[in-house]
Amino acid sequence: ITINPEPQTSTYGTIPKFTHVISSGSVVNNDLHTGDLVTDALTTSSVGDYEINLGNLSYGPNYQASFVKGKLTIVPLPIDLSADDLEMVYGENVPSLSHSVPGLINGDALSGALNTSAHSASNVGDYEIAQGDLSAGHNYALTFKSGKLTVKPRAITINPEPQTSTYGTIPKFTHIISSGSIVNNDSHTGDLVTDALTTSS
């Protein structure tokens, strides 16, 4: 008889149960095999092709068995990873970009980092948190979901400075920022106004 392992595919981190066919000759009298096929691949073996060998599989002394090596293909383990949605105030430093913890195995770790186009001078709005060079390595098929960094308005309090003018004149009004702060060399537009007129008593 000729024993042929059936080709097997498994994801990184798993070793399947091997099966075989008798490709020539035949097994009679309901004889059963003992033992199992084996491979030199381990649950820690990287993605790639590995041999399936005879191991201790046998149909006993009543059969003259020949064996054709088989192939085990280890493919990447699918994992999902999502960037966390974050917020920052305009003018502040971009917070540390974080993500969900994917199902890595065998003590594996991610490398690289997420990135975003947002920075401390970015205007109020939403910015994508992208994958950047974050990677789980070739043993994983990583599906990435981008996140959102929301830049929120910076709180300030505008206080007009008290003014005194003579009847018939309206002064130029000035102001101070009494709480909060102006950043990024920003300047105001427009002017303070009053309901007083030059004819007001």
C-alpha atoms as a PDB file:
ATOM      1  CA  ILE A   1       0.000   0.000   0.000  1.00  0.00           C
ATOM      2  CA  THR A   2       1.003   3.622  -0.455  1.00  0.00           C
ATOM      3  CA  ILE A   3       0.096   6.011   2.330  1.00  0.00           C
ATOM      4  CA  ASN A   4      -0.517   9.608   1.264  1.00  0.00           C
ATOM      5  CA  PRO A   5      -1.073  12.361   3.842  1.00  0.00           C
ATOM      6  CA  GLU A   6      -3.829  14.735   2.782  1.00  0.00           C
ATOM      7  CA  PRO A   7      -2.620  18.333   2.431  1.00  0.00           C
ATOM      8  CA  GLN A   8      -3.520  20.470   5.424  1.00  0.00           C
ATOM      9  CA  THR A   9      -3.798  24.190   6.054  1.00  0.00           C
ATOM     10  CA  SER A  10      -3.871  25.693   9.518  1.00  0.00           C
ATOM     11  CA  THR A  11      -3.600  29.164  11.011  1.00  0.00           C
ATOM     12  CA  TYR A  12      -0.523  30.280  12.905  1.00  0.00           C
ATOM     13  CA  GLY A  13      -0.613  28.883  16.439  1.00  0.00           C
ATOM     14  CA  THR A  14      -2.454  25.641  15.617  1.00  0.00           C
ATOM     15  CA  ILE A  15      -1.500  22.182  14.411  1.00  0.00           C
ATOM     16  CA  PRO A  16      -4.365  20.206  12.840  1.00  0.00           C
ATOM     17  CA  LYS A  17      -5.166  16.513  13.088  1.00  0.00           C
ATOM     18  CA  PHE A  18      -3.601  14.824  10.065  1.00  0.00           C
ATOM     19  CA  THR A  19      -5.513  12.478   7.780  1.00  0.00           C
ATOM     20  CA  HIS A  20      -4.370  10.229   4.969  1.00  0.00           C
ATOM     21  CA  VAL A  21      -5.544   8.187   2.023  1.00  0.00           C
ATOM     22  CA  ILE A  22      -4.319   4.910   0.553  1.00  0.00           C
ATOM     23  CA  SER A  23      -3.326   6.035  -2.928  1.00  0.00           C
ATOM     24  CA  SER A  24      -2.365   2.599  -4.231  1.00  0.00           C
ATOM     25  CA  GLY A  25      -3.075  -0.898  -3.001  1.00  0.00           C
ATOM     26  CA  SER A  26      -5.879  -1.537  -0.562  1.00  0.00           C
ATOM     27  CA  VAL A  27      -6.521  -2.338   3.069  1.00  0.00           C
ATOM     28  CA  VAL A  28      -8.498  -5.540   3.609  1.00  0.00           C
ATOM     29  CA  ASN A  29     -10.297  -7.375   6.413  1.00  0.00           C
ATOM     30  CA  ASN A  30     -11.312  -4.071   8.021  1.00  0.00           C
ATOM     31  CA  ASP A  31      -7.745  -3.626   9.245  1.00  0.00           C
ATOM     32  CA  LEU A  32      -7.117  -0.337  10.990  1.00  0.00           C
ATOM     33  CA  HIS A  33      -3.971   1.685  11.355  1.00  0.00           C
ATOM     34  CA  THR A  34      -2.278   2.535  14.603  1.00  0.00           C
ATOM     35  CA  GLY A  35      -0.283   5.634  15.413  1.00  0.00           C
ATOM     36  CA  ASP A  36      -0.360   9.042  13.791  1.00  0.00           C
ATOM     37  CA  LEU A  37       1.272  11.160  11.157  1.00  0.00           C
ATOM     38  CA  VAL A  38       3.554  13.875  12.502  1.00  0.00           C
ATOM     39  CA  THR A  39       5.117  17.178  11.460  1.00  0.00           C
ATOM     40  CA  ASP A  40       8.156  19.111  12.569  1.00  0.00           C
ATOM     41  CA  ALA A  41       6.001  22.253  12.773  1.00  0.00           C
ATOM     42  CA  LEU A  42       5.108  23.577  16.233  1.00  0.00           C
ATOM     43  CA  THR A  43       2.353  25.897  17.414  1.00  0.00           C
ATOM     44  CA  THR A  44       5.055  28.583  17.477  1.00  0.00           C
ATOM     45  CA  SER A  45       6.204  27.876  13.903  1.00  0.00           C
ATOM     46  CA  SER A  46       5.999  30.804  11.507  1.00  0.00           C
ATOM     47  CA  VAL A  47       3.841  31.031   8.409  1.00  0.00           C
ATOM     48  CA  GLY A  48       5.123  28.718   5.669  1.00  0.00           C
ATOM     49  CA  ASP A  49       5.148  25.112   4.416  1.00  0.00           C
ATOM     50  CA  TYR A  50       6.159  22.123   6.544  1.00  0.00           C
ATOM     51  CA  GLU A  51       6.433  18.395   5.862  1.00  0.00           C
ATOM     52  CA  ILE A  52       3.948  15.850   7.119  1.00  0.00           C
ATOM     53  CA  ASN A  53       5.848  12.647   7.938  1.00  0.00           C
ATOM     54  CA  LEU A  54       4.854   9.052   8.661  1.00  0.00           C
ATOM     55  CA  GLY A  55       5.558   9.196  12.384  1.00  0.00           C
ATOM     56  CA  ASN A  56       4.393   5.954  14.028  1.00  0.00           C
ATOM     57  CA  LEU A  57       1.443   5.377  11.704  1.00  0.00           C
ATOM     58  CA  SER A  58       1.296   1.694  10.700  1.00  0.00           C
ATOM     59  CA  TYR A  59      -1.072  -0.874   9.242  1.00  0.00           C
ATOM     60  CA  GLY A  60       0.941  -3.664  10.785  1.00  0.00           C
ATOM     61  CA  PRO A  61       3.234  -6.428   9.478  1.00  0.00           C
ATOM     62  CA  ASN A  62       0.673  -7.715   6.968  1.00  0.00           C
ATOM     63  CA  TYR A  63       1.260  -4.672   4.756  1.00  0.00           C
ATOM     64  CA  GLN A  64       4.301  -3.452   2.889  1.00  0.00           C
ATOM     65  CA  ALA A  65       3.779   0.258   3.147  1.00  0.00           C
ATOM     66  CA  SER A  66       5.418   3.035   1.213  1.00  0.00           C
ATOM     67  CA  PHE A  67       4.951   6.644   2.166  1.00  0.00           C
ATOM     68  CA  VAL A  68       4.738   9.916   0.276  1.00  0.00           C
ATOM     69  CA  LYS A  69       5.469  12.988   2.375  1.00  0.00           C
ATOM     70  CA  GLY A  70       2.660  15.493   2.718  1.00  0.00           C
ATOM     71  CA  LYS A  71       2.538  19.253   3.166  1.00  0.00           C
ATOM     72  CA  LEU A  72       1.207  21.372   5.999  1.00  0.00           C
ATOM     73  CA  THR A  73       0.725  25.036   5.109  1.00  0.00           C
ATOM     74  CA  ILE A  74       0.567  27.486   8.012  1.00  0.00           C
ATOM     75  CA  VAL A  75      -1.234  30.706   7.100  1.00  0.00           C
ATOM     76  CA  PRO A  76      -1.464  34.014   9.011  1.00  0.00           C
ATOM     77  CA  LEU A  77      -3.805  34.211  11.994  1.00  0.00           C
ATOM     78  CA  PRO A  78      -6.529  36.855  11.414  1.00  0.00           C
ATOM     79  CA  ILE A  79      -6.747  39.525  14.104  1.00  0.00           C
ATOM     80  CA  ASP A  80      -8.730  42.752  14.405  1.00  0.00           C
ATOM     81  CA  LEU A  81      -7.271  45.959  15.772  1.00  0.00           C
ATOM     82  CA  SER A  82      -9.086  49.259  16.285  1.00  0.00           C
ATOM     83  CA  ALA A  83      -7.610  52.659  17.055  1.00  0.00           C
ATOM     84  CA  ASP A  84      -9.297  54.302  20.042  1.00  0.00           C
ATOM     85  CA  ASP A  85     -11.242  57.526  19.466  1.00  0.00           C
ATOM     86  CA  LEU A  86      -9.612  60.405  21.351  1.00  0.00           C
ATOM     87  CA  GLU A  87     -10.160  64.089  22.102  1.00  0.00           C
ATOM     88  CA  MET A  88      -7.834  67.030  22.614  1.00  0.00           C
ATOM     89  CA  VAL A  89      -8.235  70.762  23.156  1.00  0.00           C
ATOM     90  CA  TYR A  90      -6.962  73.113  20.470  1.00  0.00           C
ATOM     91  CA  GLY A  91      -3.410  74.152  21.301  1.00  0.00           C
ATOM     92  CA  GLU A  92      -2.619  71.139  23.476  1.00  0.00           C
ATOM     93  CA  ASN A  93      -0.215  68.356  22.600  1.00  0.00           C
ATOM     94  CA  VAL A  94      -1.615  65.368  20.731  1.00  0.00           C
ATOM     95  CA  PRO A  95      -2.457  62.647  23.281  1.00  0.00           C
ATOM     96  CA  SER A  96      -0.825  59.243  23.161  1.00  0.00           C
ATOM     97  CA  LEU A  97      -2.529  57.255  20.417  1.00  0.00           C
ATOM     98  CA  SER A  98      -3.944  54.006  21.757  1.00  0.00           C
ATOM     99  CA  HIS A  99      -5.669  50.946  20.346  1.00  0.00           C
ATOM    100  CA  SER A 100      -7.551  47.816  21.299  1.00  0.00           C
ATOM    101  CA  VAL A 101      -5.454  44.857  22.414  1.00  0.00           C
ATOM    102  CA  PRO A 102      -5.483  42.235  19.640  1.00  0.00           C
ATOM    103  CA  GLY A 103      -5.369  38.487  20.238  1.00  0.00           C
ATOM    104  CA  LEU A 104      -1.650  37.931  19.803  1.00  0.00           C
ATOM    105  CA  ILE A 105      -0.273  34.536  20.841  1.00  0.00           C
ATOM    106  CA  ASN A 106       3.070  32.947  21.659  1.00  0.00           C
ATOM    107  CA  GLY A 107       4.277  36.071  23.434  1.00  0.00           C
ATOM    108  CA  ASP A 108       4.235  38.054  20.180  1.00  0.00           C
ATOM    109  CA  ALA A 109       4.068  41.844  20.351  1.00  0.00           C
ATOM    110  CA  LEU A 110       3.147  44.656  18.016  1.00  0.00           C
ATOM    111  CA  SER A 111       5.796  46.901  16.512  1.00  0.00           C
ATOM    112  CA  GLY A 112       5.543  50.430  15.170  1.00  0.00           C
ATOM    113  CA  ALA A 113       2.944  53.037  16.064  1.00  0.00           C
ATOM    114  CA  LEU A 114      -0.299  54.676  14.987  1.00  0.00           C
ATOM    115  CA  ASN A 115      -0.181  58.154  13.487  1.00  0.00           C
ATOM    116  CA  THR A 116      -2.377  61.169  12.804  1.00  0.00           C
ATOM    117  CA  SER A 117      -2.025  64.370  10.846  1.00  0.00           C
ATOM    118  CA  ALA A 118      -3.314  66.379  13.811  1.00  0.00           C
ATOM    119  CA  HIS A 119      -0.914  68.541  15.858  1.00  0.00           C
ATOM    120  CA  SER A 120      -1.125  71.244  18.502  1.00  0.00           C
ATOM    121  CA  ALA A 121      -1.919  73.915  15.903  1.00  0.00           C
ATOM    122  CA  SER A 122      -4.603  71.881  14.109  1.00  0.00           C
ATOM    123  CA  ASN A 123      -7.951  73.612  13.813  1.00  0.00           C
ATOM    124  CA  VAL A 124     -11.056  72.395  15.584  1.00  0.00           C
ATOM    125  CA  GLY A 125     -12.459  69.327  13.822  1.00  0.00           C
ATOM    126  CA  ASP A 126     -12.002  65.577  13.363  1.00  0.00           C
ATOM    127  CA  TYR A 127      -8.773  63.934  12.220  1.00  0.00           C
ATOM    128  CA  GLU A 128      -8.130  60.309  11.294  1.00  0.00           C
ATOM    129  CA  ILE A 129      -5.995  58.100  13.497  1.00  0.00           C
ATOM    130  CA  ALA A 130      -4.330  55.831  10.954  1.00  0.00           C
ATOM    131  CA  GLN A 131      -2.412  52.565  11.189  1.00  0.00           C
ATOM    132  CA  GLY A 132       0.943  54.183  10.515  1.00  0.00           C
ATOM    133  CA  ASP A 133       3.655  51.523  10.687  1.00  0.00           C
ATOM    134  CA  LEU A 134       1.916  49.523  13.416  1.00  0.00           C
ATOM    135  CA  SER A 135       2.347  45.829  12.576  1.00  0.00           C
ATOM    136  CA  ALA A 136       1.786  42.424  14.112  1.00  0.00           C
ATOM    137  CA  GLY A 137       4.311  40.780  11.804  1.00  0.00           C
ATOM    138  CA  HIS A 138       3.935  38.311   8.945  1.00  0.00           C
ATOM    139  CA  ASN A 139       2.338  35.633  11.140  1.00  0.00           C
ATOM    140  CA  TYR A 140      -0.846  37.698  11.421  1.00  0.00           C
ATOM    141  CA  ALA A 141      -3.420  38.979   8.933  1.00  0.00           C
ATOM    142  CA  LEU A 142      -4.269  42.274  10.599  1.00  0.00           C
ATOM    143  CA  THR A 143      -7.549  44.044   9.858  1.00  0.00           C
ATOM    144  CA  PHE A 144      -7.322  47.639  11.021  1.00  0.00           C
ATOM    145  CA  LYS A 145     -10.130  50.072  11.886  1.00  0.00           C
ATOM    146  CA  SER A 146      -9.052  53.695  12.010  1.00  0.00           C
ATOM    147  CA  GLY A 147      -9.961  55.983  14.884  1.00  0.00           C
ATOM    148  CA  LYS A 148     -10.925  59.635  15.218  1.00  0.00           C
ATOM    149  CA  LEU A 149      -9.109  62.411  17.026  1.00  0.00           C
ATOM    150  CA  THR A 150     -11.471  65.274  17.784  1.00  0.00           C
ATOM    151  CA  VAL A 151      -9.914  68.705  18.362  1.00  0.00           C
ATOM    152  CA  LYS A 152     -12.256  70.700  20.602  1.00  0.00           C
ATOM    153  CA  PRO A 153     -12.390  74.495  21.047  1.00  0.00           C
ATOM    154  CA  ARG A 154     -10.124  76.088  23.630  1.00  0.00           C
ATOM    155  CA  ALA A 155     -12.038  77.882  26.387  1.00  0.00           C
ATOM    156  CA  ILE A 156     -11.174  81.536  27.000  1.00  0.00           C
ATOM    157  CA  THR A 157     -12.956  84.422  28.731  1.00  0.00           C
ATOM    158  CA  ILE A 158     -12.852  87.814  26.992  1.00  0.00           C
ATOM    159  CA  ASN A 159     -13.120  90.841  29.286  1.00  0.00           C
ATOM    160  CA  PRO A 160     -13.467  94.349  27.802  1.00  0.00           C
ATOM    161  CA  GLU A 161     -11.314  96.877  29.656  1.00  0.00           C
ATOM    162  CA  PRO A 162     -13.319  99.733  31.218  1.00  0.00           C
ATOM    163  CA  GLN A 163     -13.287 102.856  29.115  1.00  0.00           C
ATOM    164  CA  THR A 164     -13.998 106.540  29.775  1.00  0.00           C
ATOM    165  CA  SER A 165     -14.774 109.010  27.015  1.00  0.00           C
ATOM    166  CA  THR A 166     -16.064 112.531  26.736  1.00  0.00           C
ATOM    167  CA  TYR A 167     -19.516 113.301  25.442  1.00  0.00           C
ATOM    168  CA  GLY A 168     -19.536 113.175  21.649  1.00  0.00           C
ATOM    169  CA  THR A 169     -16.785 110.559  21.308  1.00  0.00           C
ATOM    170  CA  ILE A 170     -16.662 106.755  21.219  1.00  0.00           C
ATOM    171  CA  PRO A 171     -13.247 105.322  22.140  1.00  0.00           C
ATOM    172  CA  LYS A 172     -11.473 102.321  20.674  1.00  0.00           C
ATOM    173  CA  PHE A 173     -12.276  99.376  22.914  1.00  0.00           C
ATOM    174  CA  THR A 174      -9.625  96.999  24.229  1.00  0.00           C
ATOM    175  CA  HIS A 175      -9.883  93.714  26.047  1.00  0.00           C
ATOM    176  CA  ILE A 176      -7.958  91.181  28.062  1.00  0.00           C
ATOM    177  CA  ILE A 177      -8.187  87.402  28.312  1.00  0.00           C
ATOM    178  CA  SER A 178      -9.160  86.900  31.934  1.00  0.00           C
ATOM    179  CA  SER A 179      -9.123  83.095  31.873  1.00  0.00           C
ATOM    180  CA  GLY A 180      -7.633  80.596  29.462  1.00  0.00           C
ATOM    181  CA  SER A 181      -4.900  81.561  27.047  1.00  0.00           C
ATOM    182  CA  ILE A 182      -4.276  82.311  23.394  1.00  0.00           C
ATOM    183  CA  VAL A 183      -1.893  79.899  21.657  1.00  0.00           C
ATOM    184  CA  ASN A 184      -0.120  79.490  18.332  1.00  0.00           C
ATOM    185  CA  ASN A 185       0.242  83.282  17.944  1.00  0.00           C
ATOM    186  CA  ASP A 186      -3.457  83.496  17.098  1.00  0.00           C
ATOM    187  CA  SER A 187      -4.976  86.969  16.876  1.00  0.00           C
ATOM    188  CA  HIS A 188      -8.546  88.161  17.019  1.00  0.00           C
ATOM    189  CA  THR A 189     -10.617  89.625  14.254  1.00  0.00           C
ATOM    190  CA  GLY A 190     -13.340  92.207  14.530  1.00  0.00           C
ATOM    191  CA  ASP A 191     -13.991  94.721  17.303  1.00  0.00           C
ATOM    192  CA  LEU A 192     -15.923  95.174  20.503  1.00  0.00           C
ATOM    193  CA  VAL A 193     -19.002  97.370  20.144  1.00  0.00           C
ATOM    194  CA  THR A 194     -21.264  99.451  22.328  1.00  0.00           C
ATOM    195  CA  ASP A 195     -24.859 100.603  22.044  1.00  0.00           C
ATOM    196  CA  ALA A 196     -23.739 104.138  22.931  1.00  0.00           C
ATOM    197  CA  LEU A 197     -23.751 106.783  20.223  1.00  0.00           C
ATOM    198  CA  THR A 198     -21.849 110.058  20.018  1.00  0.00           C
ATOM    199  CA  THR A 199     -25.157 111.704  20.865  1.00  0.00           C
ATOM    200  CA  SER A 200     -25.824 109.528  23.924  1.00  0.00           C
ATOM    201  CA  SER A 201     -26.302 111.409  27.147  1.00  0.00           C
END
